[in-house]
C-alpha atoms as a PDB file:
ATOM      1  CA  MET A   1      44.524 -94.843   9.520  1.00  0.00           C
ATOM      2  CA  SER A   2      45.281 -91.108  10.046  1.00  0.00           C
ATOM      3  CA  LYS A   3      43.935 -88.768   7.347  1.00  0.00           C
ATOM      4  CA  LYS A   4      46.357 -86.590   5.561  1.00  0.00           C
ATOM      5  CA  LYS A   5      45.950 -83.236   6.307  1.00  0.00           C
ATOM      6  CA  GLN A   6      44.956 -81.444   3.408  1.00  0.00           C
ATOM      7  CA  GLU A   7      45.326 -77.923   2.549  1.00  0.00           C
ATOM      8  CA  SER A   8      42.819 -75.838   1.237  1.00  0.00           C
ATOM      9  CA  PRO A   9      43.094 -74.169  -2.162  1.00  0.00           C
ATOM     10  CA  LYS A  10      44.232 -70.594  -2.359  1.00  0.00           C
ATOM     11  CA  LYS A  11      41.050 -68.673  -3.453  1.00  0.00           C
ATOM     12  CA  PRO A  12      40.965 -66.032  -6.253  1.00  0.00           C
ATOM     13  CA  LEU A  13      39.011 -62.636  -5.396  1.00  0.00           C
ATOM     14  CA  LEU A  14      36.289 -62.884  -6.780  1.00  0.00           C
ATOM     15  CA  THR A  15      35.524 -66.601  -5.701  1.00  0.00           C
ATOM     16  CA  TRP A  16      36.538 -64.903  -2.051  1.00  0.00           C
ATOM     17  CA  LEU A  17      34.146 -62.077  -2.745  1.00  0.00           C
ATOM     18  CA  ALA A  18      31.284 -64.318  -3.318  1.00  0.00           C
ATOM     19  CA  GLY A  19      31.764 -66.181   0.255  1.00  0.00           C
ATOM     20  CA  GLU A  20      31.518 -62.847   2.255  1.00  0.00           C
ATOM     21  CA  GLN A  21      29.125 -62.973   4.407  1.00  0.00           C
ATOM     22  CA  ILE A  22      26.428 -59.688   4.057  1.00  0.00           C
ATOM     23  CA  PRO A  23      27.537 -57.538   7.589  1.00  0.00           C
ATOM     24  CA  ALA A  24      31.545 -58.108   6.398  1.00  0.00           C
ATOM     25  CA  LEU A  25      30.959 -56.710   2.633  1.00  0.00           C
ATOM     26  CA  LEU A  26      28.919 -53.538   4.313  1.00  0.00           C
ATOM     27  CA  ALA A  27      31.623 -53.039   6.234  1.00  0.00           C
ATOM     28  CA  LYS A  28      34.257 -53.612   3.210  1.00  0.00           C
ATOM     29  CA  THR A  29      32.628 -51.376   0.948  1.00  0.00           C
ATOM     30  CA  GLY A  30      31.926 -49.252   3.747  1.00  0.00           C
ATOM     31  CA  ASN A  31      35.511 -48.275   4.576  1.00  0.00           C
ATOM     32  CA  ILE A  32      36.304 -48.036   0.824  1.00  0.00           C
ATOM     33  CA  LEU A  33      33.606 -45.406   0.392  1.00  0.00           C
ATOM     34  CA  SER A  34      34.732 -43.076   3.649  1.00  0.00           C
ATOM     35  CA  CYS A  35      38.399 -43.616   2.423  1.00  0.00           C
ATOM     36  CA  ALA A  36      37.960 -42.929  -0.955  1.00  0.00           C
ATOM     37  CA  ALA A  37      35.811 -39.609  -0.015  1.00  0.00           C
ATOM     38  CA  VAL A  38      39.305 -37.875   1.137  1.00  0.00           C
ATOM     39  CA  HIS A  39      41.421 -39.866  -1.016  1.00  0.00           C
ATOM     40  CA  GLU A  40      42.459 -38.303  -4.375  1.00  0.00           C
ATOM     41  CA  CYS A  41      45.305 -41.035  -5.205  1.00  0.00           C
ATOM     42  CA  TYR A  42      42.050 -43.671  -6.162  1.00  0.00           C
ATOM     43  CA  ARG A  43      41.298 -41.219  -9.350  1.00  0.00           C
ATOM     44  CA  GLU A  44      44.940 -41.700 -10.413  1.00  0.00           C
ATOM     45  CA  GLY A  45      45.052 -42.826 -14.299  1.00  0.00           C
ATOM     46  CA  ASN A  46      41.324 -43.282 -15.457  1.00  0.00           C
ATOM     47  CA  PRO A  47      38.835 -40.697 -12.805  1.00  0.00           C
ATOM     48  CA  SER A  48      35.433 -41.529 -14.972  1.00  0.00           C
ATOM     49  CA  ALA A  49      36.070 -45.057 -14.653  1.00  0.00           C
ATOM     50  CA  VAL A  50      36.844 -45.328 -10.757  1.00  0.00           C
ATOM     51  CA  ASP A  51      34.069 -42.912 -10.077  1.00  0.00           C
ATOM     52  CA  SER A  52      31.809 -44.421 -11.817  1.00  0.00           C
ATOM     53  CA  ILE A  53      32.750 -47.566  -9.961  1.00  0.00           C
ATOM     54  CA  LEU A  54      31.540 -45.672  -6.943  1.00  0.00           C
ATOM     55  CA  ALA A  55      29.018 -44.755  -7.622  1.00  0.00           C
ATOM     56  CA  SER A  56      28.012 -47.892  -8.191  1.00  0.00           C
ATOM     57  CA  MET A  57      29.011 -49.423  -5.121  1.00  0.00           C
ATOM     58  CA  SER A  58      27.502 -46.030  -3.122  1.00  0.00           C
ATOM     59  CA  LYS A  59      23.965 -47.123  -4.155  1.00  0.00           C
ATOM     60  CA  GLY A  60      24.560 -50.890  -4.055  1.00  0.00           C
ATOM     61  CA  HIS A  61      25.840 -50.664  -0.268  1.00  0.00           C
ATOM     62  CA  ALA A  62      22.864 -48.048   0.764  1.00  0.00           C
ATOM     63  CA  THR A  63      20.152 -50.495  -0.890  1.00  0.00           C
ATOM     64  CA  LEU A  64      21.752 -54.177   0.245  1.00  0.00           C
ATOM     65  CA  ASN A  65      22.048 -52.640   4.047  1.00  0.00           C
ATOM     66  CA  GLN A  66      18.424 -51.279   3.700  1.00  0.00           C
ATOM     67  CA  ALA A  67      17.305 -55.030   2.351  1.00  0.00           C
ATOM     68  CA  TYR A  68      19.444 -57.127   4.926  1.00  0.00           C
ATOM     69  CA  LEU A  69      17.770 -55.362   7.658  1.00  0.00           C
ATOM     70  CA  ALA A  70      14.267 -55.737   6.121  1.00  0.00           C
ATOM     71  CA  VAL A  71      14.632 -59.286   5.599  1.00  0.00           C
ATOM     72  CA  LEU A  72      16.469 -59.866   9.283  1.00  0.00           C
ATOM     73  CA  GLY A  73      13.073 -58.198  10.800  1.00  0.00           C
ATOM     74  CA  GLY A  74      10.735 -60.789   9.121  1.00  0.00           C
ATOM     75  CA  ASP A  75       9.850 -58.970   5.730  1.00  0.00           C
ATOM     76  CA  ASN A  76      10.932 -61.745   3.044  1.00  0.00           C
ATOM     77  CA  SER A  77       9.858 -60.060   0.003  1.00  0.00           C
ATOM     78  CA  GLN A  78      12.985 -57.861  -0.020  1.00  0.00           C
ATOM     79  CA  THR A  79      15.254 -61.768  -0.276  1.00  0.00           C
ATOM     80  CA  ALA A  80      15.584 -60.930  -4.536  1.00  0.00           C
ATOM     81  CA  LEU A  81      16.444 -57.623  -3.598  1.00  0.00           C
ATOM     82  CA  ARG A  82      19.269 -58.316  -0.836  1.00  0.00           C
ATOM     83  CA  ASP A  83      20.553 -61.317  -3.164  1.00  0.00           C
ATOM     84  CA  ASP A  84      21.000 -59.960  -6.256  1.00  0.00           C
ATOM     85  CA  THR A  85      22.536 -56.515  -4.888  1.00  0.00           C
ATOM     86  CA  ARG A  86      25.175 -58.282  -2.811  1.00  0.00           C
ATOM     87  CA  ALA A  87      26.516 -60.264  -6.233  1.00  0.00           C
ATOM     88  CA  LYS A  88      26.390 -56.970  -8.123  1.00  0.00           C
ATOM     89  CA  LEU A  89      28.185 -55.205  -4.481  1.00  0.00           C
ATOM     90  CA  VAL A  90      30.585 -58.389  -4.799  1.00  0.00           C
ATOM     91  CA  MET A  91      30.957 -56.852  -8.635  1.00  0.00           C
ATOM     92  CA  ASP A  92      32.255 -53.475  -7.760  1.00  0.00           C
ATOM     93  CA  VAL A  93      34.068 -53.898  -5.231  1.00  0.00           C
ATOM     94  CA  TYR A  94      36.202 -56.427  -7.396  1.00  0.00           C
ATOM     95  CA  HIS A  95      36.734 -53.868 -10.112  1.00  0.00           C
ATOM     96  CA  PHE A  96      37.905 -51.130  -8.211  1.00  0.00           C
ATOM     97  CA  GLY A  97      40.284 -54.137  -6.108  1.00  0.00           C
ATOM     98  CA  ASN A  98      41.548 -54.295  -9.911  1.00  0.00           C
ATOM     99  CA  TRP A  99      42.548 -50.094 -10.134  1.00  0.00           C
ATOM    100  CA  VAL A 100      43.821 -50.618  -6.301  1.00  0.00           C
ATOM    101  CA  GLU A 101      46.378 -53.386  -7.210  1.00  0.00           C
ATOM    102  CA  ILE A 102      47.575 -51.306 -10.648  1.00  0.00           C
ATOM    103  CA  MET A 103      47.823 -48.324  -8.066  1.00  0.00           C
ATOM    104  CA  GLY A 104      49.346 -50.446  -5.452  1.00  0.00           C
ATOM    105  CA  ARG A 105      52.167 -50.986  -8.119  1.00  0.00           C
ATOM    106  CA  GLU A 106      54.169 -47.609  -7.904  1.00  0.00           C
ATOM    107  CA  ASN A 107      52.261 -46.181  -4.427  1.00  0.00           C
ATOM    108  CA  PRO A 108      51.672 -49.028  -2.010  1.00  0.00           C
ATOM    109  CA  ALA A 109      49.866 -46.824  -0.432  1.00  0.00           C
ATOM    110  CA  ALA A 110      46.888 -46.323  -1.961  1.00  0.00           C
ATOM    111  CA  LEU A 111      46.166 -49.958  -1.105  1.00  0.00           C
ATOM    112  CA  LEU A 112      45.590 -48.481   2.851  1.00  0.00           C
ATOM    113  CA  ASN A 113      44.511 -45.440   1.806  1.00  0.00           C
ATOM    114  CA  THR A 114      41.493 -46.701  -0.875  1.00  0.00           C
ATOM    115  CA  GLY A 115      40.351 -48.598   2.353  1.00  0.00           C
ATOM    116  CA  TYR A 116      40.401 -51.754   0.058  1.00  0.00           C
ATOM    117  CA  LEU A 117      42.986 -53.493   2.390  1.00  0.00           C
ATOM    118  CA  SER A 118      43.263 -52.664   6.034  1.00  0.00           C
ATOM    119  CA  ALA A 119      46.312 -52.159   8.126  1.00  0.00           C
ATOM    120  CA  GLY A 120      48.736 -55.150   8.536  1.00  0.00           C
ATOM    121  CA  PRO A 121      51.348 -56.775   5.913  1.00  0.00           C
ATOM    122  CA  VAL A 122      50.701 -56.196   2.339  1.00  0.00           C
ATOM    123  CA  VAL A 123      51.023 -59.646   0.001  1.00  0.00           C
ATOM    124  CA  ARG A 124      52.570 -59.348  -2.629  1.00  0.00           C
ATOM    125  CA  HIS A 125      51.058 -61.978  -6.182  1.00  0.00           C
ATOM    126  CA  ARG A 126      52.969 -62.644  -8.772  1.00  0.00           C
ATOM    127  CA  VAL A 127      52.830 -59.418 -11.317  1.00  0.00           C
ATOM    128  CA  PRO A 128      51.037 -60.780 -15.095  1.00  0.00           C
ATOM    129  CA  PRO A 129      53.282 -59.804 -17.917  1.00  0.00           C
ATOM    130  CA  PRO A 130      51.629 -56.572 -19.667  1.00  0.00           C
ATOM    131  CA  LEU A 131      48.919 -56.571 -21.975  1.00  0.00           C
ATOM    132  CA  ASP A 132      50.539 -55.849 -25.200  1.00  0.00           C
ATOM    133  CA  ALA A 133      47.776 -57.476 -28.115  1.00  0.00           C
ATOM    134  CA  PRO A 134      44.864 -55.181 -29.123  1.00  0.00           C
ATOM    135  CA  ALA A 135      41.395 -56.890 -27.736  1.00  0.00           C
ATOM    136  CA  THR A 136      39.979 -58.219 -31.013  1.00  0.00           C
ATOM    137  CA  GLY A 137      36.571 -59.472 -32.039  1.00  0.00           C
ATOM    138  CA  LEU A 138      34.301 -56.938 -30.958  1.00  0.00           C
ATOM    139  CA  VAL A 139      30.477 -57.292 -31.925  1.00  0.00           C
ATOM    140  CA  LEU A 140      27.760 -54.907 -31.455  1.00  0.00           C
ATOM    141  CA  SER A 141      24.327 -55.192 -31.332  1.00  0.00           C
ATOM    142  CA  HIS A 142      21.107 -54.079 -30.068  1.00  0.00           C
ATOM    143  CA  GLY A 143      20.005 -54.562 -26.612  1.00  0.00           C
ATOM    144  CA  PRO A 144      16.356 -56.027 -25.328  1.00  0.00           C
ATOM    145  CA  HIS A 145      14.716 -52.198 -24.763  1.00  0.00           C
ATOM    146  CA  THR A 146      14.990 -48.735 -26.276  1.00  0.00           C
ATOM    147  CA  GLY A 147      18.693 -47.335 -26.136  1.00  0.00           C
ATOM    148  CA  SER A 148      20.285 -50.739 -25.246  1.00  0.00           C
ATOM    149  CA  GLY A 149      22.594 -53.042 -26.331  1.00  0.00           C
ATOM    150  CA  TYR A 150      25.487 -55.843 -26.141  1.00  0.00           C
ATOM    151  CA  ALA A 151      29.208 -55.925 -26.863  1.00  0.00           C
ATOM    152  CA  LYS A 152      30.569 -59.390 -27.305  1.00  0.00           C
ATOM    153  CA  TYR A 153      33.990 -60.467 -27.610  1.00  0.00           C
ATOM    154  CA  THR A 154      37.155 -62.037 -27.577  1.00  0.00           C
ATOM    155  CA  TYR A 155      38.631 -63.817 -24.685  1.00  0.00           C
ATOM    156  CA  MET A 156      42.053 -61.982 -24.117  1.00  0.00           C
ATOM    157  CA  LYS A 157      44.759 -64.407 -21.795  1.00  0.00           C
ATOM    158  CA  GLY A 158      45.593 -62.911 -19.050  1.00  0.00           C
ATOM    159  CA  VAL A 159      42.540 -60.259 -18.348  1.00  0.00           C
ATOM    160  CA  LYS A 160      41.071 -59.360 -15.028  1.00  0.00           C
ATOM    161  CA  CYS A 161      37.919 -57.448 -16.825  1.00  0.00           C
ATOM    162  CA  SER A 162      37.275 -55.546 -19.794  1.00  0.00           C
ATOM    163  CA  GLU A 163      36.434 -51.961 -20.432  1.00  0.00           C
ATOM    164  CA  LEU A 164      33.986 -50.874 -22.874  1.00  0.00           C
ATOM    165  CA  TRP A 165      34.357 -47.061 -24.113  1.00  0.00           C
ATOM    166  CA  TYR A 166      32.078 -44.684 -26.341  1.00  0.00           C
ATOM    167  CA  THR A 167      31.441 -41.545 -27.883  1.00  0.00           C
ATOM    168  CA  CYS A 168      28.781 -39.907 -30.795  1.00  0.00           C
ATOM    169  CA  LYS A 169      32.110 -37.366 -31.498  1.00  0.00           C
ATOM    170  CA  ASP A 170      34.900 -37.771 -33.715  1.00  0.00           C
ATOM    171  CA  PRO A 171      36.435 -41.198 -32.530  1.00  0.00           C
ATOM    172  CA  ALA A 172      39.795 -39.803 -33.662  1.00  0.00           C
ATOM    173  CA  PHE A 173      39.709 -37.731 -31.050  1.00  0.00           C
ATOM    174  CA  GLY A 174      41.110 -39.238 -27.468  1.00  0.00           C
ATOM    175  CA  GLU A 175      39.113 -36.624 -26.036  1.00  0.00           C
ATOM    176  CA  ASN A 176      35.761 -37.270 -27.530  1.00  0.00           C
ATOM    177  CA  TRP A 177      35.876 -40.850 -25.796  1.00  0.00           C
ATOM    178  CA  SER A 178      33.909 -41.464 -22.454  1.00  0.00           C
ATOM    179  CA  PHE A 179      33.985 -44.476 -19.606  1.00  0.00           C
ATOM    180  CA  LEU A 180      30.804 -46.881 -20.500  1.00  0.00           C
ATOM    181  CA  LYS A 181      31.049 -50.105 -18.987  1.00  0.00           C
ATOM    182  CA  SER A 182      33.770 -52.636 -17.289  1.00  0.00           C
ATOM    183  CA  GLY A 183      32.851 -56.953 -16.951  1.00  0.00           C
ATOM    184  CA  VAL A 184      34.406 -59.779 -16.452  1.00  0.00           C
ATOM    185  CA  GLY A 185      33.648 -62.360 -19.277  1.00  0.00           C
ATOM    186  CA  THR A 186      33.321 -61.719 -23.083  1.00  0.00           C
ATOM    187  CA  LYS A 187      29.892 -60.240 -22.751  1.00  0.00           C
ATOM    188  CA  LEU A 188      28.483 -57.011 -21.739  1.00  0.00           C
ATOM    189  CA  GLU A 189      25.115 -55.160 -21.842  1.00  0.00           C
ATOM    190  CA  PHE A 190      24.850 -51.563 -21.996  1.00  0.00           C
ATOM    191  CA  ASP A 191      22.271 -48.900 -21.826  1.00  0.00           C
ATOM    192  CA  GLY A 192      21.530 -45.386 -21.820  1.00  0.00           C
ATOM    193  CA  LEU A 193      22.048 -44.399 -25.867  1.00  0.00           C
ATOM    194  CA  GLU A 194      20.136 -42.034 -27.654  1.00  0.00           C
ATOM    195  CA  PRO A 195      17.910 -43.350 -30.128  1.00  0.00           C
ATOM    196  CA  GLY A 196      18.826 -42.759 -33.640  1.00  0.00           C
ATOM    197  CA  LYS A 197      22.192 -41.374 -32.727  1.00  0.00           C
ATOM    198  CA  LEU A 198      25.257 -42.884 -34.214  1.00  0.00           C
ATOM    199  CA  TYR A 199      27.884 -44.255 -31.500  1.00  0.00           C
ATOM    200  CA  TYR A 200      31.960 -45.699 -31.703  1.00  0.00           C
ATOM    201  CA  PHE A 201      32.815 -48.189 -29.506  1.00  0.00           C
ATOM    202  CA  ARG A 202      35.988 -49.437 -28.492  1.00  0.00           C
ATOM    203  CA  LEU A 203      37.091 -52.201 -26.120  1.00  0.00           C
ATOM    204  CA  ARG A 204      40.598 -52.689 -23.965  1.00  0.00           C
ATOM    205  CA  GLY A 205      41.584 -55.386 -21.370  1.00  0.00           C
ATOM    206  CA  ILE A 206      42.860 -54.073 -17.838  1.00  0.00           C
ATOM    207  CA  ASN A 207      45.194 -56.623 -15.668  1.00  0.00           C
ATOM    208  CA  ALA A 208      47.499 -55.928 -12.512  1.00  0.00           C
ATOM    209  CA  ARG A 209      49.799 -54.174 -15.067  1.00  0.00           C
ATOM    210  CA  GLY A 210      47.124 -52.059 -16.445  1.00  0.00           C
ATOM    211  CA  ALA A 211      44.998 -51.446 -19.653  1.00  0.00           C
ATOM    212  CA  GLY A 212      46.210 -53.255 -22.806  1.00  0.00           C
ATOM    213  CA  PRO A 213      46.045 -51.710 -26.442  1.00  0.00           C
ATOM    214  CA  TRP A 214      42.430 -50.379 -27.749  1.00  0.00           C
ATOM    215  CA  SER A 215      40.610 -52.633 -29.963  1.00  0.00           C
ATOM    216  CA  THR A 216      39.536 -51.540 -33.316  1.00  0.00           C
ATOM    217  CA  VAL A 217      36.415 -49.005 -33.154  1.00  0.00           C
ATOM    218  CA  VAL A 218      33.231 -50.562 -34.166  1.00  0.00           C
ATOM    219  CA  SER A 219      29.947 -48.338 -34.638  1.00  0.00           C
ATOM    220  CA  LEU A 220      26.523 -49.089 -33.691  1.00  0.00           C
ATOM    221  CA  ARG A 221      23.224 -46.629 -34.394  1.00  0.00           C
ATOM    222  CA  ALA A 222      21.200 -46.643 -31.391  1.00  0.00           C
ATOM    223  CA  ILE A 223      17.499 -47.958 -31.877  1.00  0.00           C
END
């Protein structure tokens, strides 16, 4: 009896990236970094957030390349560093991809200019509805070491990642706010706060249609 040929299920972007071999991941991040360095289109919308992702990607690319070559040369002490850095670099590519998808709605050339996609036919995916509900349930707590903290929040349907912003100035003025961290799930860990200083935080969801409304502002005094 002949077996029916089954089609492989389509994998989400994050699952696909997790299966990337290290040489391919290094090639992809290297292409993104070289292209982003000469094209300003990637900075549309929220430059500080994208710049933070690219800075992390640049550091991860260099570290992964060094650790990968060391392990190939027989230095097994670098295996943990290689694997940890690879996982972080995959997330950087994923977050950068969210921004590229947003820009691609208005400027399809951004997909190629940033190096996120290679030249060739662009596959169009179903565009999700806009995020019209604000993020909810934001709770802040102190982290395991000085100047660190945790942000927990309620899962938001249709969100691909979440952004956490902060300020130690008057939260009523938009220009006082700065991007702090982005991630998936319902919890973010952050650090770099100055002990004793009062900080204000707010959160919003992101998907291919852009950013959703802000959550209620929550304060935390760093320790």
